[in-house]
Amino acid sequence: MPESDVVKVRQLTRWQRIGVASLFVAGALFLGGIVFILSGIYNIGAAREHWSITNFIITILRDRSISVASNGVEVPNLND
């Protein structure tokens, strides 16, 4: 094969390899999280104590949901 037909492949730098590996790890964590959520393994019922991180996330979701849903709602006079 003539030398002009040879394709030279440039090796990735250390930081490029770290970046590619990081993308694979992030993708695996993302897919694992999706599988965990869709599997229904975790009992989200109110009768069971949750992990502290789960309580934190549920609290934020609840508070933000209430805040967004109540925009534009006028509070009536409660003394009436």
PDB file of N, CA and C in Angstrom:
ATOM      1  N   MET A   1       0.852  -1.163   0.000  1.00  0.00           N
ATOM      2  CA  MET A   1       0.000   0.000   0.000  1.00  0.00           C
ATOM      3  C   MET A   1       0.903   1.232   0.000  1.00  0.00           C
ATOM      4  N   PRO A   2       0.613   2.154  -0.882  1.00  0.00           N
ATOM      5  CA  PRO A   2       1.437   3.375  -0.918  1.00  0.00           C
ATOM      6  C   PRO A   2       1.254   4.189   0.361  1.00  0.00           C
ATOM      7  N   GLU A   3       2.288   4.903   0.709  1.00  0.00           N
ATOM      8  CA  GLU A   3       2.269   5.675   1.953  1.00  0.00           C
ATOM      9  C   GLU A   3       1.216   6.782   1.936  1.00  0.00           C
ATOM     10  N   SER A   4       0.816   7.262   0.779  1.00  0.00           N
ATOM     11  CA  SER A   4      -0.188   8.320   0.695  1.00  0.00           C
ATOM     12  C   SER A   4      -1.576   7.801   1.068  1.00  0.00           C
ATOM     13  N   ASP A   5      -1.795   6.472   0.995  1.00  0.00           N
ATOM     14  CA  ASP A   5      -3.085   5.892   1.348  1.00  0.00           C
ATOM     15  C   ASP A   5      -3.204   5.554   2.829  1.00  0.00           C
ATOM     16  N   VAL A   6      -2.128   5.692   3.583  1.00  0.00           N
ATOM     17  CA  VAL A   6      -2.140   5.352   4.996  1.00  0.00           C
ATOM     18  C   VAL A   6      -2.785   6.492   5.775  1.00  0.00           C
ATOM     19  N   VAL A   7      -3.746   6.149   6.575  1.00  0.00           N
ATOM     20  CA  VAL A   7      -4.415   7.143   7.410  1.00  0.00           C
ATOM     21  C   VAL A   7      -3.743   7.119   8.771  1.00  0.00           C
ATOM     22  N   LYS A   8      -3.266   8.268   9.184  1.00  0.00           N
ATOM     23  CA  LYS A   8      -2.622   8.356  10.487  1.00  0.00           C
ATOM     24  C   LYS A   8      -3.670   8.738  11.527  1.00  0.00           C
ATOM     25  N   VAL A   9      -3.707   7.972  12.606  1.00  0.00           N
ATOM     26  CA  VAL A   9      -4.654   8.214  13.686  1.00  0.00           C
ATOM     27  C   VAL A   9      -3.907   8.888  14.820  1.00  0.00           C
ATOM     28  N   ARG A  10      -4.389  10.048  15.204  1.00  0.00           N
ATOM     29  CA  ARG A  10      -3.756  10.784  16.290  1.00  0.00           C
ATOM     30  C   ARG A  10      -4.253  10.240  17.616  1.00  0.00           C
ATOM     31  N   GLN A  11      -3.339   9.960  18.510  1.00  0.00           N
ATOM     32  CA  GLN A  11      -3.700   9.457  19.827  1.00  0.00           C
ATOM     33  C   GLN A  11      -4.257  10.600  20.682  1.00  0.00           C
ATOM     34  N   LEU A  12      -5.273  10.281  21.496  1.00  0.00           N
ATOM     35  CA  LEU A  12      -5.884  11.287  22.356  1.00  0.00           C
ATOM     36  C   LEU A  12      -4.924  11.702  23.458  1.00  0.00           C
ATOM     37  N   THR A  13      -5.033  12.964  23.852  1.00  0.00           N
ATOM     38  CA  THR A  13      -4.228  13.435  24.979  1.00  0.00           C
ATOM     39  C   THR A  13      -4.816  12.882  26.268  1.00  0.00           C
ATOM     40  N   ARG A  14      -4.090  13.052  27.349  1.00  0.00           N
ATOM     41  CA  ARG A  14      -4.544  12.556  28.653  1.00  0.00           C
ATOM     42  C   ARG A  14      -5.883  13.186  29.035  1.00  0.00           C
ATOM     43  N   TRP A  15      -6.025  14.492  28.833  1.00  0.00           N
ATOM     44  CA  TRP A  15      -7.258  15.191  29.209  1.00  0.00           C
ATOM     45  C   TRP A  15      -8.420  14.779  28.321  1.00  0.00           C
ATOM     46  N   GLN A  16      -8.148  14.483  27.058  1.00  0.00           N
ATOM     47  CA  GLN A  16      -9.206  14.008  26.178  1.00  0.00           C
ATOM     48  C   GLN A  16      -9.688  12.620  26.613  1.00  0.00           C
ATOM     49  N   ARG A  17      -8.764  11.751  27.013  1.00  0.00           N
ATOM     50  CA  ARG A  17      -9.144  10.427  27.505  1.00  0.00           C
ATOM     51  C   ARG A  17      -9.950  10.540  28.794  1.00  0.00           C
ATOM     52  N   ILE A  18      -9.542  11.462  29.681  1.00  0.00           N
ATOM     53  CA  ILE A  18     -10.292  11.682  30.919  1.00  0.00           C
ATOM     54  C   ILE A  18     -11.696  12.198  30.591  1.00  0.00           C
ATOM     55  N   GLY A  19     -11.802  13.090  29.626  1.00  0.00           N
ATOM     56  CA  GLY A  19     -13.104  13.614  29.215  1.00  0.00           C
ATOM     57  C   GLY A  19     -14.009  12.533  28.656  1.00  0.00           C
ATOM     58  N   VAL A  20     -13.471  11.684  27.807  1.00  0.00           N
ATOM     59  CA  VAL A  20     -14.258  10.598  27.231  1.00  0.00           C
ATOM     60  C   VAL A  20     -14.700   9.634  28.328  1.00  0.00           C
ATOM     61  N   ALA A  21     -13.796   9.288  29.237  1.00  0.00           N
ATOM     62  CA  ALA A  21     -14.135   8.394  30.343  1.00  0.00           C
ATOM     63  C   ALA A  21     -15.207   9.023  31.228  1.00  0.00           C
ATOM     64  N   SER A  22     -15.106  10.327  31.476  1.00  0.00           N
ATOM     65  CA  SER A  22     -16.106  11.029  32.298  1.00  0.00           C
ATOM     66  C   SER A  22     -17.480  10.995  31.639  1.00  0.00           C
ATOM     67  N   LEU A  23     -17.517  11.152  30.322  1.00  0.00           N
ATOM     68  CA  LEU A  23     -18.798  11.077  29.615  1.00  0.00           C
ATOM     69  C   LEU A  23     -19.416   9.690  29.736  1.00  0.00           C
ATOM     70  N   PHE A  24     -18.588   8.653  29.633  1.00  0.00           N
ATOM     71  CA  PHE A  24     -19.096   7.292  29.789  1.00  0.00           C
ATOM     72  C   PHE A  24     -19.629   7.060  31.203  1.00  0.00           C
ATOM     73  N   VAL A  25     -18.910   7.535  32.205  1.00  0.00           N
ATOM     74  CA  VAL A  25     -19.347   7.363  33.599  1.00  0.00           C
ATOM     75  C   VAL A  25     -20.654   8.129  33.829  1.00  0.00           C
ATOM     76  N   ALA A  26     -20.726   9.379  33.355  1.00  0.00           N
ATOM     77  CA  ALA A  26     -21.941  10.177  33.526  1.00  0.00           C
ATOM     78  C   ALA A  26     -23.119   9.514  32.814  1.00  0.00           C
ATOM     79  N   GLY A  27     -22.882   8.992  31.631  1.00  0.00           N
ATOM     80  CA  GLY A  27     -23.939   8.297  30.895  1.00  0.00           C
ATOM     81  C   GLY A  27     -24.417   7.058  31.623  1.00  0.00           C
ATOM     82  N   ALA A  28     -23.474   6.288  32.183  1.00  0.00           N
ATOM     83  CA  ALA A  28     -23.840   5.082  32.925  1.00  0.00           C
ATOM     84  C   ALA A  28     -24.649   5.443  34.171  1.00  0.00           C
ATOM     85  N   LEU A  29     -24.247   6.501  34.881  1.00  0.00           N
ATOM     86  CA  LEU A  29     -24.997   6.931  36.067  1.00  0.00           C
ATOM     87  C   LEU A  29     -26.403   7.407  35.687  1.00  0.00           C
ATOM     88  N   PHE A  30     -26.490   8.137  34.594  1.00  0.00           N
ATOM     89  CA  PHE A  30     -27.788   8.624  34.123  1.00  0.00           C
ATOM     90  C   PHE A  30     -28.702   7.455  33.775  1.00  0.00           C
ATOM     91  N   LEU A  31     -28.198   6.510  32.994  1.00  0.00           N
ATOM     92  CA  LEU A  31     -29.001   5.359  32.611  1.00  0.00           C
ATOM     93  C   LEU A  31     -29.373   4.508  33.825  1.00  0.00           C
ATOM     94  N   GLY A  32     -28.430   4.354  34.752  1.00  0.00           N
ATOM     95  CA  GLY A  32     -28.719   3.616  35.975  1.00  0.00           C
ATOM     96  C   GLY A  32     -29.812   4.281  36.786  1.00  0.00           C
ATOM     97  N   GLY A  33     -29.782   5.609  36.857  1.00  0.00           N
ATOM     98  CA  GLY A  33     -30.825   6.351  37.564  1.00  0.00           C
ATOM     99  C   GLY A  33     -32.187   6.185  36.913  1.00  0.00           C
ATOM    100  N   ILE A  34     -32.206   6.233  35.604  1.00  0.00           N
ATOM    101  CA  ILE A  34     -33.471   6.044  34.879  1.00  0.00           C
ATOM    102  C   ILE A  34     -34.024   4.644  35.136  1.00  0.00           C
ATOM    103  N   VAL A  35     -33.159   3.631  35.068  1.00  0.00           N
ATOM    104  CA  VAL A  35     -33.595   2.257  35.332  1.00  0.00           C
ATOM    105  C   VAL A  35     -34.121   2.138  36.762  1.00  0.00           C
ATOM    106  N   PHE A  36     -33.423   2.753  37.723  1.00  0.00           N
ATOM    107  CA  PHE A  36     -33.867   2.707  39.124  1.00  0.00           C
ATOM    108  C   PHE A  36     -35.230   3.360  39.292  1.00  0.00           C
ATOM    109  N   ILE A  37     -35.422   4.517  38.684  1.00  0.00           N
ATOM    110  CA  ILE A  37     -36.693   5.235  38.812  1.00  0.00           C
ATOM    111  C   ILE A  37     -37.831   4.451  38.171  1.00  0.00           C
ATOM    112  N   LEU A  38     -37.599   3.938  36.961  1.00  0.00           N
ATOM    113  CA  LEU A  38     -38.656   3.240  36.242  1.00  0.00           C
ATOM    114  C   LEU A  38     -38.924   1.841  36.779  1.00  0.00           C
ATOM    115  N   SER A  39     -37.985   1.274  37.529  1.00  0.00           N
ATOM    116  CA  SER A  39     -38.155  -0.082  38.044  1.00  0.00           C
ATOM    117  C   SER A  39     -39.203  -0.158  39.144  1.00  0.00           C
ATOM    118  N   GLY A  40     -39.402   0.923  39.885  1.00  0.00           N
ATOM    119  CA  GLY A  40     -40.371   0.928  40.976  1.00  0.00           C
ATOM    120  C   GLY A  40     -39.865   0.207  42.217  1.00  0.00           C
ATOM    121  N   ILE A  41     -38.567  -0.029  42.301  1.00  0.00           N
ATOM    122  CA  ILE A  41     -37.994  -0.730  43.455  1.00  0.00           C
ATOM    123  C   ILE A  41     -38.163   0.089  44.730  1.00  0.00           C
ATOM    124  N   TYR A  42     -37.955   1.389  44.646  1.00  0.00           N
ATOM    125  CA  TYR A  42     -37.996   2.237  45.832  1.00  0.00           C
ATOM    126  C   TYR A  42     -39.438   2.554  46.204  1.00  0.00           C
ATOM    127  N   ASN A  43     -39.812   2.299  47.461  1.00  0.00           N
ATOM    128  CA  ASN A  43     -41.161   2.562  47.954  1.00  0.00           C
ATOM    129  C   ASN A  43     -41.263   4.038  48.339  1.00  0.00           C
ATOM    130  N   ILE A  44     -42.025   4.800  47.579  1.00  0.00           N
ATOM    131  CA  ILE A  44     -42.146   6.242  47.818  1.00  0.00           C
ATOM    132  C   ILE A  44     -43.351   6.553  48.707  1.00  0.00           C
ATOM    133  N   GLY A  45     -44.032   5.519  49.188  1.00  0.00           N
ATOM    134  CA  GLY A  45     -45.233   5.705  50.012  1.00  0.00           C
ATOM    135  C   GLY A  45     -44.959   6.530  51.263  1.00  0.00           C
ATOM    136  N   ALA A  46     -45.969   7.267  51.706  1.00  0.00           N
ATOM    137  CA  ALA A  46     -45.828   8.154  52.860  1.00  0.00           C
ATOM    138  C   ALA A  46     -45.749   7.391  54.176  1.00  0.00           C
ATOM    139  N   ALA A  47     -46.140   6.121  54.184  1.00  0.00           N
ATOM    140  CA  ALA A  47     -46.132   5.339  55.417  1.00  0.00           C
ATOM    141  C   ALA A  47     -44.741   4.794  55.743  1.00  0.00           C
ATOM    142  N   ARG A  48     -43.775   5.065  54.909  1.00  0.00           N
ATOM    143  CA  ARG A  48     -42.423   4.533  55.090  1.00  0.00           C
ATOM    144  C   ARG A  48     -41.434   5.690  55.213  1.00  0.00           C
ATOM    145  N   GLU A  49     -40.460   5.557  56.109  1.00  0.00           N
ATOM    146  CA  GLU A  49     -39.415   6.579  56.257  1.00  0.00           C
ATOM    147  C   GLU A  49     -38.491   6.531  55.038  1.00  0.00           C
ATOM    148  N   HIS A  50     -38.158   7.712  54.533  1.00  0.00           N
ATOM    149  CA  HIS A  50     -37.310   7.803  53.344  1.00  0.00           C
ATOM    150  C   HIS A  50     -35.868   8.094  53.734  1.00  0.00           C
ATOM    151  N   TRP A  51     -34.982   7.910  52.731  1.00  0.00           N
ATOM    152  CA  TRP A  51     -33.588   8.321  52.906  1.00  0.00           C
ATOM    153  C   TRP A  51     -33.575   9.834  53.049  1.00  0.00           C
ATOM    154  N   SER A  52     -32.563  10.379  53.713  1.00  0.00           N
ATOM    155  CA  SER A  52     -32.513  11.827  53.924  1.00  0.00           C
ATOM    156  C   SER A  52     -32.427  12.592  52.606  1.00  0.00           C
ATOM    157  N   ILE A  53     -31.698  12.071  51.632  1.00  0.00           N
ATOM    158  CA  ILE A  53     -31.613  12.759  50.332  1.00  0.00           C
ATOM    159  C   ILE A  53     -32.965  12.738  49.633  1.00  0.00           C
ATOM    160  N   THR A  54     -33.711  11.645  49.800  1.00  0.00           N
ATOM    161  CA  THR A  54     -35.045  11.560  49.196  1.00  0.00           C
ATOM    162  C   THR A  54     -35.986  12.560  49.855  1.00  0.00           C
ATOM    163  N   ASN A  55     -35.931  12.673  51.182  1.00  0.00           N
ATOM    164  CA  ASN A  55     -36.751  13.681  51.881  1.00  0.00           C
ATOM    165  C   ASN A  55     -36.412  15.079  51.401  1.00  0.00           C
ATOM    166  N   PHE A  56     -35.138  15.354  51.215  1.00  0.00           N
ATOM    167  CA  PHE A  56     -34.685  16.663  50.739  1.00  0.00           C
ATOM    168  C   PHE A  56     -35.272  16.955  49.355  1.00  0.00           C
ATOM    169  N   ILE A  57     -35.184  16.003  48.442  1.00  0.00           N
ATOM    170  CA  ILE A  57     -35.685  16.202  47.080  1.00  0.00           C
ATOM    171  C   ILE A  57     -37.200  16.337  47.071  1.00  0.00           C
ATOM    172  N   ILE A  58     -37.890  15.492  47.837  1.00  0.00           N
ATOM    173  CA  ILE A  58     -39.353  15.564  47.896  1.00  0.00           C
ATOM    174  C   ILE A  58     -39.803  16.912  48.455  1.00  0.00           C
ATOM    175  N   THR A  59     -39.115  17.408  49.469  1.00  0.00           N
ATOM    176  CA  THR A  59     -39.457  18.706  50.055  1.00  0.00           C
ATOM    177  C   THR A  59     -39.291  19.826  49.035  1.00  0.00           C
ATOM    178  N   ILE A  60     -38.190  19.816  48.311  1.00  0.00           N
ATOM    179  CA  ILE A  60     -37.967  20.845  47.285  1.00  0.00           C
ATOM    180  C   ILE A  60     -39.035  20.750  46.205  1.00  0.00           C
ATOM    181  N   LEU A  61     -39.315  19.535  45.726  1.00  0.00           N
ATOM    182  CA  LEU A  61     -40.342  19.362  44.692  1.00  0.00           C
ATOM    183  C   LEU A  61     -41.702  19.844  45.181  1.00  0.00           C
ATOM    184  N   ARG A  62     -42.068  19.510  46.422  1.00  0.00           N
ATOM    185  CA  ARG A  62     -43.356  19.926  46.976  1.00  0.00           C
ATOM    186  C   ARG A  62     -43.445  21.447  47.066  1.00  0.00           C
ATOM    187  N   ASP A  63     -42.415  22.071  47.637  1.00  0.00           N
ATOM    188  CA  ASP A  63     -42.432  23.524  47.826  1.00  0.00           C
ATOM    189  C   ASP A  63     -42.458  24.270  46.497  1.00  0.00           C
ATOM    190  N   ARG A  64     -41.675  23.805  45.522  1.00  0.00           N
ATOM    191  CA  ARG A  64     -41.655  24.471  44.216  1.00  0.00           C
ATOM    192  C   ARG A  64     -42.991  24.279  43.501  1.00  0.00           C
ATOM    193  N   SER A  65     -43.565  23.083  43.618  1.00  0.00           N
ATOM    194  CA  SER A  65     -44.849  22.818  42.976  1.00  0.00           C
ATOM    195  C   SER A  65     -45.937  23.719  43.539  1.00  0.00           C
ATOM    196  N   ILE A  66     -45.971  23.863  44.853  1.00  0.00           N
ATOM    197  CA  ILE A  66     -46.965  24.733  45.496  1.00  0.00           C
ATOM    198  C   ILE A  66     -46.744  26.180  45.083  1.00  0.00           C
ATOM    199  N   SER A  67     -45.489  26.611  45.056  1.00  0.00           N
ATOM    200  CA  SER A  67     -45.174  27.991  44.689  1.00  0.00           C
ATOM    201  C   SER A  67     -45.615  28.311  43.262  1.00  0.00           C
ATOM    202  N   VAL A  68     -45.332  27.417  42.341  1.00  0.00           N
ATOM    203  CA  VAL A  68     -45.682  27.657  40.938  1.00  0.00           C
ATOM    204  C   VAL A  68     -47.193  27.580  40.740  1.00  0.00           C
ATOM    205  N   ALA A  69     -47.835  26.610  41.371  1.00  0.00           N
ATOM    206  CA  ALA A  69     -49.282  26.439  41.198  1.00  0.00           C
ATOM    207  C   ALA A  69     -50.074  27.577  41.831  1.00  0.00           C
ATOM    208  N   SER A  70     -49.506  28.230  42.848  1.00  0.00           N
ATOM    209  CA  SER A  70     -50.248  29.288  43.536  1.00  0.00           C
ATOM    210  C   SER A  70     -49.970  30.678  42.976  1.00  0.00           C
ATOM    211  N   ASN A  71     -49.156  30.808  41.955  1.00  0.00           N
ATOM    212  CA  ASN A  71     -48.929  32.118  41.332  1.00  0.00           C
ATOM    213  C   ASN A  71     -50.238  32.674  40.784  1.00  0.00           C
ATOM    214  N   GLY A  72     -50.525  33.897  41.116  1.00  0.00           N
ATOM    215  CA  GLY A  72     -51.726  34.551  40.624  1.00  0.00           C
ATOM    216  C   GLY A  72     -52.986  34.270  41.430  1.00  0.00           C
ATOM    217  N   VAL A  73     -52.883  33.459  42.467  1.00  0.00           N
ATOM    218  CA  VAL A  73     -54.044  33.158  43.300  1.00  0.00           C
ATOM    219  C   VAL A  73     -54.095  34.198  44.407  1.00  0.00           C
ATOM    220  N   GLU A  74     -55.242  34.864  44.514  1.00  0.00           N
ATOM    221  CA  GLU A  74     -55.391  35.869  45.561  1.00  0.00           C
ATOM    222  C   GLU A  74     -55.929  35.225  46.832  1.00  0.00           C
ATOM    223  N   VAL A  75     -55.322  35.530  47.940  1.00  0.00           N
ATOM    224  CA  VAL A  75     -55.761  34.999  49.226  1.00  0.00           C
ATOM    225  C   VAL A  75     -56.987  35.802  49.672  1.00  0.00           C
ATOM    226  N   PRO A  76     -58.095  35.097  49.957  1.00  0.00           N
ATOM    227  CA  PRO A  76     -59.303  35.816  50.389  1.00  0.00           C
ATOM    228  C   PRO A  76     -59.126  36.360  51.803  1.00  0.00           C
ATOM    229  N   ASN A  77     -59.989  37.307  52.163  1.00  0.00           N
ATOM    230  CA  ASN A  77     -59.969  37.846  53.498  1.00  0.00           C
ATOM    231  C   ASN A  77     -60.414  36.760  54.454  1.00  0.00           C
ATOM    232  N   LEU A  78     -59.508  36.348  55.342  1.00  0.00           N
ATOM    233  CA  LEU A  78     -59.796  35.235  56.238  1.00  0.00           C
ATOM    234  C   LEU A  78     -60.624  35.665  57.449  1.00  0.00           C
ATOM    235  N   ASN A  79     -60.822  36.972  57.647  1.00  0.00           N
ATOM    236  CA  ASN A  79     -61.629  37.457  58.767  1.00  0.00           C
ATOM    237  C   ASN A  79     -63.085  37.570  58.383  1.00  0.00           C
ATOM    238  N   ASP A  80     -63.413  37.293  57.158  1.00  0.00           N
ATOM    239  CA  ASP A  80     -64.773  37.436  56.664  1.00  0.00           C
ATOM    240  C   ASP A  80     -65.594  36.207  56.950  1.00  0.00           C
TER     241      ASP A  80
END
